[in-house]
Amino acid sequence: MTDSKLPEWANVLAVFDTETTGIATETTRIVSAHVSVLTPDGESTQGRDWLIDCGIEIPAQATAVHGITTERMRAEGAPAPDSIFEILTLLQGYFDAGVPVVAYNASYDFSILDREAKRYGLDTIASVKPVIDPLVIDKQVDKYRKGKRTLEAASAYYGVSLEGAHDAAVDAIAAGRVAQAIGRKYATELNMSANDLHDAQVTWAAAQAASYAEWRRGQGLAVFPGDGLWPVR
């Protein structure tokens, strides 16, 4: 089944999201994750969820975002090395099959997954490609829209339901539906293969980061090394 209104890359998408202990790439641990596949009409199939005992306490600030406590994680979470291996294996399978994987702000999730793999001595994903990042694409096709570019804001703008945000499954599926909505709206501009779109996003992400860094310098603010490297910093 395909939808003629969608670019070819958007007809079948895997979706991926994590909830974590923080934001620093080198030290953050994954505490929950979701991977599934969206049909052309945005229905989620083949879903997998993980609650992971990451081996450290979850900071209160992180629990306030995603609701997962250290106590619950320790009582219900699976061992981190096993879970990270399963996530890596599943995503590698989709990439090997040429199925695009959607992740909103992909350089966050894939960079943390990369460091988790290295932490446990696991093979990293051989080639993180093709990735679809609605954040990068939205900034490119609608550069001058005012307002936030969070998943919540993008979901509202593109008419995608997002109830229970900051749950890995909810966020992953919403990100995939946002990607499909962008694909429908900008079908002509985004009429390319998944691999070509991936390569375009590498360029777009670098340019977007450079523009943001220039703005920060103009405001006398610090610039963050590694910004603009996509999909893995």
Protein backbone atom coordinates (compact mmCIF):
# COMPACT_ATOMS: atom_id res chain seq x y z
CA MET A 1 0.00 0.00 0.00
CA THR A 2 1.29 3.44 -0.94
CA ASP A 3 -0.05 7.00 -0.82
CA SER A 4 0.45 8.84 -4.10
CA LYS A 5 0.42 12.17 -2.26
CA LEU A 6 3.53 11.19 -0.30
CA PRO A 7 7.10 11.28 -1.58
CA GLU A 8 8.42 7.74 -2.05
CA TRP A 9 10.57 7.91 1.10
CA ALA A 10 7.57 8.70 3.33
CA ASN A 11 5.40 5.69 2.51
CA VAL A 12 7.05 3.30 4.96
CA LEU A 13 9.00 4.76 7.86
CA ALA A 14 10.57 3.31 10.95
CA VAL A 15 10.39 5.67 13.93
CA PHE A 16 12.78 5.94 16.89
CA ASP A 17 12.84 7.93 20.11
CA THR A 18 14.50 7.75 23.52
CA GLU A 19 13.92 9.15 26.97
CA THR A 20 17.12 9.71 28.91
CA THR A 21 18.87 10.88 32.06
CA GLY A 22 20.00 14.21 30.62
CA ILE A 23 21.30 16.03 27.56
CA ALA A 24 25.12 15.73 27.64
CA THR A 25 26.08 13.31 24.88
CA GLU A 26 29.00 11.65 26.63
CA THR A 27 27.32 10.94 29.98
CA THR A 28 23.60 10.62 29.26
CA ARG A 29 21.99 7.17 29.56
CA ILE A 30 18.91 5.86 27.80
CA VAL A 31 16.11 4.83 30.18
CA SER A 32 13.36 4.10 27.64
CA ALA A 33 13.10 3.73 23.89
CA HIS A 34 10.61 2.94 21.16
CA VAL A 35 10.94 1.67 17.61
CA SER A 36 8.05 0.91 15.28
CA VAL A 37 7.01 1.19 11.64
CA LEU A 38 4.43 3.60 10.22
CA THR A 39 2.18 2.72 7.32
CA PRO A 40 1.42 5.38 4.66
CA ASP A 41 -1.63 6.46 6.66
CA GLY A 42 0.44 6.89 9.82
CA GLU A 43 -0.62 3.75 11.65
CA SER A 44 2.01 2.27 13.96
CA THR A 45 2.93 -1.39 13.49
CA GLN A 46 5.68 -3.75 14.69
CA GLY A 47 6.20 -1.70 17.83
CA ARG A 48 8.96 -2.44 20.36
CA ASP A 49 9.37 -0.66 23.69
CA TRP A 50 12.20 -0.79 26.19
CA LEU A 51 12.43 0.26 29.83
CA ILE A 52 16.12 0.11 30.67
CA ASP A 53 18.01 -0.12 33.95
CA CYS A 54 20.71 2.33 32.93
CA GLY A 55 22.87 1.73 36.01
CA ILE A 56 22.76 5.25 37.46
CA GLU A 57 20.15 7.30 39.26
CA ILE A 58 17.76 9.27 37.11
CA PRO A 59 18.04 12.96 38.01
CA ALA A 60 14.87 14.59 39.31
CA GLN A 61 14.90 17.02 36.36
CA ALA A 62 14.76 14.11 33.91
CA THR A 63 12.02 12.32 35.84
CA ALA A 64 10.02 15.56 35.76
CA VAL A 65 10.15 15.42 31.95
CA HIS A 66 9.39 11.76 31.20
CA GLY A 67 7.97 10.48 34.49
CA ILE A 68 10.32 7.51 34.90
CA THR A 69 11.71 7.25 38.41
CA THR A 70 14.88 5.51 39.53
CA GLU A 71 12.76 3.16 41.63
CA ARG A 72 10.60 2.09 38.70
CA MET A 73 13.62 1.74 36.43
CA ARG A 74 15.39 -0.55 38.90
CA ALA A 75 12.29 -2.63 39.56
CA GLU A 76 11.12 -3.03 35.96
CA GLY A 77 14.03 -2.16 33.70
CA ALA A 78 15.95 -4.69 31.62
CA PRO A 79 19.76 -4.74 31.72
CA ALA A 80 21.20 -1.88 29.69
CA PRO A 81 23.70 -3.90 27.59
CA ASP A 82 20.96 -6.29 26.45
CA SER A 83 18.51 -3.50 25.63
CA ILE A 84 21.04 -1.34 23.79
CA PHE A 85 22.10 -4.38 21.74
CA GLU A 86 18.47 -5.05 20.80
CA ILE A 87 17.88 -1.44 19.76
CA LEU A 88 21.07 -1.35 17.69
CA THR A 89 20.22 -4.63 16.00
CA LEU A 90 16.67 -3.59 15.13
CA LEU A 91 17.72 -0.21 13.72
CA GLN A 92 20.61 -1.76 11.80
CA GLY A 93 18.11 -4.12 10.19
CA TYR A 94 15.95 -1.24 8.99
CA PHE A 95 18.93 0.66 7.62
CA ASP A 96 20.21 -2.48 5.87
CA ALA A 97 16.78 -2.89 4.26
CA GLY A 98 16.76 0.73 3.12
CA VAL A 99 13.88 1.69 5.40
CA PRO A 100 14.24 5.34 6.52
CA VAL A 101 14.30 5.87 10.29
CA VAL A 102 12.61 9.00 11.63
CA ALA A 103 13.98 10.70 14.74
CA TYR A 104 13.09 14.24 15.75
CA ASN A 105 16.36 16.06 16.40
CA ALA A 106 18.11 12.90 15.25
CA SER A 107 21.61 13.98 16.24
CA TYR A 108 20.53 13.79 19.89
CA ASP A 109 19.10 10.26 19.89
CA PHE A 110 21.63 8.72 17.52
CA SER A 111 24.62 10.33 19.24
CA ILE A 112 23.52 9.07 22.64
CA LEU A 113 22.84 5.61 21.20
CA ASP A 114 26.33 5.66 19.67
CA ARG A 115 27.90 6.43 23.06
CA GLU A 116 25.79 3.79 24.79
CA ALA A 117 27.03 1.19 22.30
CA LYS A 118 30.63 2.17 22.99
CA ARG A 119 30.01 2.19 26.75
CA TYR A 120 29.04 -1.49 26.65
CA GLY A 121 31.56 -2.59 24.03
CA LEU A 122 28.91 -3.13 21.36
CA ASP A 123 29.25 -2.55 17.63
CA THR A 124 27.83 0.81 16.63
CA ILE A 125 25.48 1.04 13.67
CA ALA A 126 27.62 0.59 10.57
CA SER A 127 25.94 3.35 8.58
CA VAL A 128 23.27 5.53 10.19
CA LYS A 129 21.46 6.09 6.89
CA PRO A 130 18.86 6.91 5.70
CA VAL A 131 17.56 9.07 8.56
CA ILE A 132 14.62 11.45 8.32
CA ASP A 133 14.71 14.33 10.80
CA PRO A 134 11.53 16.43 10.72
CA LEU A 135 13.26 19.19 12.71
CA VAL A 136 15.98 19.70 10.09
CA ILE A 137 13.57 19.35 7.16
CA ASP A 138 10.98 21.73 8.64
CA LYS A 139 13.64 24.40 9.22
CA GLN A 140 14.71 24.03 5.60
CA VAL A 141 11.34 24.07 3.84
CA ASP A 142 9.80 26.78 6.08
CA LYS A 143 12.81 28.86 7.12
CA TYR A 144 11.06 32.00 8.23
CA ARG A 145 8.15 30.65 10.28
CA LYS A 146 8.18 32.26 13.69
CA GLY A 147 7.84 30.37 16.95
CA LYS A 148 9.33 27.27 18.50
CA ARG A 149 10.43 24.22 16.53
CA THR A 150 9.87 21.64 19.25
CA LEU A 151 8.06 18.40 18.48
CA GLU A 152 5.03 19.78 20.29
CA ALA A 153 5.05 22.94 18.18
CA ALA A 154 5.64 21.04 14.92
CA SER A 155 2.87 18.57 15.74
CA ALA A 156 0.42 21.41 16.36
CA TYR A 157 1.46 23.23 13.18
CA TYR A 158 1.14 20.15 10.96
CA GLY A 159 -2.07 18.88 12.59
CA VAL A 160 -0.59 15.83 14.29
CA SER A 161 -2.04 14.64 17.60
CA LEU A 162 0.48 14.58 20.44
CA GLU A 163 -1.08 13.48 23.71
CA GLY A 164 1.29 12.34 26.44
CA ALA A 165 4.45 13.95 25.08
CA HIS A 166 7.84 12.81 26.43
CA ASP A 167 6.84 9.19 26.23
CA ALA A 168 9.19 7.47 23.78
CA ALA A 169 6.40 5.74 21.85
CA VAL A 170 4.17 8.82 21.68
CA ASP A 171 7.02 11.06 20.55
CA ALA A 172 8.41 8.59 18.01
CA ILE A 173 5.05 8.03 16.32
CA ALA A 174 4.22 11.75 16.32
CA ALA A 175 7.60 12.52 14.74
CA GLY A 176 6.90 10.01 11.99
CA ARG A 177 3.49 11.53 11.32
CA VAL A 178 5.00 15.02 11.24
CA ALA A 179 7.53 13.75 8.68
CA GLN A 180 4.69 12.41 6.55
CA ALA A 181 2.74 15.67 6.90
CA ILE A 182 5.79 17.66 5.78
CA GLY A 183 6.20 15.21 2.89
CA ARG A 184 2.63 15.79 1.76
CA LYS A 185 2.86 19.58 2.03
CA TYR A 186 6.22 19.84 0.30
CA ALA A 187 5.96 16.84 -2.00
CA THR A 188 7.57 18.66 -4.93
CA GLU A 189 10.51 20.07 -2.97
CA LEU A 190 11.13 16.75 -1.22
CA ASN A 191 10.65 14.52 -4.26
CA MET A 192 13.89 12.56 -3.90
CA SER A 193 15.09 9.22 -2.65
CA ALA A 194 15.55 8.58 1.06
CA ASN A 195 19.33 8.47 0.62
CA ASP A 196 19.37 11.74 -1.31
CA LEU A 197 17.19 13.36 1.35
CA HIS A 198 19.55 12.06 4.02
CA ASP A 199 22.52 13.62 2.21
CA ALA A 200 20.62 16.90 1.83
CA GLN A 201 19.91 16.97 5.56
CA VAL A 202 23.63 16.64 6.32
CA THR A 203 24.16 19.90 4.41
CA TRP A 204 21.05 21.58 5.82
CA ALA A 205 21.89 20.71 9.43
CA ALA A 206 25.40 22.13 9.05
CA ALA A 207 24.07 25.37 7.55
CA GLN A 208 21.38 25.72 10.20
CA ALA A 209 23.91 25.23 12.99
CA ALA A 210 26.30 27.74 11.42
CA SER A 211 23.52 30.32 11.20
CA TYR A 212 22.53 29.72 14.83
CA ALA A 213 26.17 29.93 15.97
CA GLU A 214 26.54 33.26 14.18
CA TRP A 215 23.45 34.56 15.95
CA ARG A 216 24.77 33.38 19.34
CA ARG A 217 28.10 35.07 18.75
CA GLY A 218 26.26 38.26 17.92
CA GLN A 219 24.47 38.00 21.27
CA GLY A 220 27.74 37.36 23.12
CA LEU A 221 26.67 33.78 23.91
CA ALA A 222 28.73 30.59 23.90
CA VAL A 223 28.82 28.42 20.80
CA PHE A 224 28.54 24.64 21.21
CA PRO A 225 31.20 22.47 19.53
CA GLY A 226 29.79 19.65 17.43
CA ASP A 227 26.54 21.37 16.58
CA GLY A 228 25.73 20.78 12.94
CA LEU A 229 27.18 17.28 12.78
CA TRP A 230 24.25 15.07 11.74
CA PRO A 231 22.91 12.45 12.33
CA VAL A 232 25.70 11.47 14.76
CA ARG A 233 27.86 14.04 16.51
